[in-house]
Amino acid sequence: MTTLTLAVDRINARAATVDWKRVWLVALMVLPFVVFYAARLVVRAAGWAAAWVWAAGMEGWAAAGPKREGAG
């Protein structure tokens, strides 16, 4: 037998012992992790965008308002 055939046989033997119940449980635990991770990224991005828009609005408001005497 070749080395490749021996490796394939070992892989097939190990694959036959897979506990599918455990695989499905891990997959079910990964799903909420990925969903909440993505949600956290979206909330952080929305917060950053809202803060930037608020700061830009404050700058625009100050620029459009009356100028104080003596202010540069």
C-alpha atoms as a PDB file:
ATOM      1  CA  MET A   1       0.000   0.000   0.000  1.00  0.00           C
ATOM      2  CA  THR A   2       1.147   3.498  -0.677  1.00  0.00           C
ATOM      3  CA  THR A   3       1.502   6.204   1.903  1.00  0.00           C
ATOM      4  CA  LEU A   4      -1.485   8.006   0.421  1.00  0.00           C
ATOM      5  CA  THR A   5      -3.680   4.933   0.733  1.00  0.00           C
ATOM      6  CA  LEU A   6      -2.639   4.488   4.359  1.00  0.00           C
ATOM      7  CA  ALA A   7      -3.408   8.132   5.095  1.00  0.00           C
ATOM      8  CA  VAL A   8      -6.828   7.861   3.450  1.00  0.00           C
ATOM      9  CA  ASP A   9      -7.571   4.726   5.453  1.00  0.00           C
ATOM     10  CA  ARG A  10      -6.660   6.493   8.705  1.00  0.00           C
ATOM     11  CA  ILE A  11      -8.833   9.479   7.762  1.00  0.00           C
ATOM     12  CA  ASN A  12     -11.780   7.211   6.938  1.00  0.00           C
ATOM     13  CA  ALA A  13     -11.379   5.361  10.247  1.00  0.00           C
ATOM     14  CA  ARG A  14     -11.338   8.611  12.199  1.00  0.00           C
ATOM     15  CA  ALA A  15     -14.304  10.001  10.232  1.00  0.00           C
ATOM     16  CA  ALA A  16     -16.333   6.906  11.086  1.00  0.00           C
ATOM     17  CA  THR A  17     -16.055   7.763  14.794  1.00  0.00           C
ATOM     18  CA  VAL A  18     -17.517  11.281  14.489  1.00  0.00           C
ATOM     19  CA  ASP A  19     -20.220  11.978  17.075  1.00  0.00           C
ATOM     20  CA  TRP A  20     -22.793  13.831  14.956  1.00  0.00           C
ATOM     21  CA  LYS A  21     -24.788  14.894  17.999  1.00  0.00           C
ATOM     22  CA  ARG A  22     -21.766  16.797  19.262  1.00  0.00           C
ATOM     23  CA  VAL A  23     -21.132  18.312  15.822  1.00  0.00           C
ATOM     24  CA  TRP A  24     -24.704  19.643  15.672  1.00  0.00           C
ATOM     25  CA  LEU A  25     -24.487  21.024  19.220  1.00  0.00           C
ATOM     26  CA  VAL A  26     -21.304  22.902  18.351  1.00  0.00           C
ATOM     27  CA  ALA A  27     -22.920  24.247  15.183  1.00  0.00           C
ATOM     28  CA  LEU A  28     -25.927  25.408  17.213  1.00  0.00           C
ATOM     29  CA  MET A  29     -23.638  27.233  19.640  1.00  0.00           C
ATOM     30  CA  VAL A  30     -21.644  28.890  16.864  1.00  0.00           C
ATOM     31  CA  LEU A  31     -24.753  30.352  15.227  1.00  0.00           C
ATOM     32  CA  PRO A  32     -25.743  32.695  18.111  1.00  0.00           C
ATOM     33  CA  PHE A  33     -22.106  33.701  18.578  1.00  0.00           C
ATOM     34  CA  VAL A  34     -21.808  34.773  14.938  1.00  0.00           C
ATOM     35  CA  VAL A  35     -25.182  36.552  14.968  1.00  0.00           C
ATOM     36  CA  PHE A  36     -24.423  38.545  18.119  1.00  0.00           C
ATOM     37  CA  TYR A  37     -20.889  39.321  16.982  1.00  0.00           C
ATOM     38  CA  ALA A  38     -22.260  40.763  13.739  1.00  0.00           C
ATOM     39  CA  ALA A  39     -24.944  42.667  15.669  1.00  0.00           C
ATOM     40  CA  ARG A  40     -22.277  44.177  17.915  1.00  0.00           C
ATOM     41  CA  LEU A  41     -20.310  45.355  14.895  1.00  0.00           C
ATOM     42  CA  VAL A  42     -23.433  46.949  13.405  1.00  0.00           C
ATOM     43  CA  VAL A  43     -24.316  48.717  16.672  1.00  0.00           C
ATOM     44  CA  ARG A  44     -20.760  50.013  17.059  1.00  0.00           C
ATOM     45  CA  ALA A  45     -20.723  51.292  13.476  1.00  0.00           C
ATOM     46  CA  ALA A  46     -24.126  52.944  13.908  1.00  0.00           C
ATOM     47  CA  GLY A  47     -22.969  54.589  17.149  1.00  0.00           C
ATOM     48  CA  TRP A  48     -19.819  55.886  15.499  1.00  0.00           C
ATOM     49  CA  ALA A  49     -21.815  57.248  12.557  1.00  0.00           C
ATOM     50  CA  ALA A  50     -24.371  58.889  14.873  1.00  0.00           C
ATOM     51  CA  ALA A  51     -21.588  60.513  16.927  1.00  0.00           C
ATOM     52  CA  TRP A  52     -19.916  61.790  13.767  1.00  0.00           C
ATOM     53  CA  VAL A  53     -23.178  63.216  12.412  1.00  0.00           C
ATOM     54  CA  TRP A  54     -23.923  64.853  15.779  1.00  0.00           C
ATOM     55  CA  ALA A  55     -20.448  66.432  15.915  1.00  0.00           C
ATOM     56  CA  ALA A  56     -20.761  67.642  12.322  1.00  0.00           C
ATOM     57  CA  GLY A  57     -24.154  69.161  13.140  1.00  0.00           C
ATOM     58  CA  MET A  58     -22.731  70.958  16.180  1.00  0.00           C
ATOM     59  CA  GLU A  59     -19.899  72.367  14.064  1.00  0.00           C
ATOM     60  CA  GLY A  60     -22.351  73.491  11.386  1.00  0.00           C
ATOM     61  CA  TRP A  61     -24.627  75.071  13.988  1.00  0.00           C
ATOM     62  CA  ALA A  62     -21.697  76.947  15.516  1.00  0.00           C
ATOM     63  CA  ALA A  63     -20.438  78.070  12.102  1.00  0.00           C
ATOM     64  CA  ALA A  64     -23.869  79.357  11.060  1.00  0.00           C
ATOM     65  CA  GLY A  65     -24.571  81.165  14.336  1.00  0.00           C
ATOM     66  CA  PRO A  66     -23.678  84.709  15.248  1.00  0.00           C
ATOM     67  CA  LYS A  67     -19.994  85.405  15.744  1.00  0.00           C
ATOM     68  CA  ARG A  68     -18.755  86.672  19.081  1.00  0.00           C
ATOM     69  CA  GLU A  69     -16.746  89.822  19.094  1.00  0.00           C
ATOM     70  CA  GLY A  70     -13.093  89.192  19.667  1.00  0.00           C
ATOM     71  CA  ALA A  71     -13.354  85.561  18.604  1.00  0.00           C
ATOM     72  CA  GLY A  72     -10.846  84.604  15.910  1.00  0.00           C
END
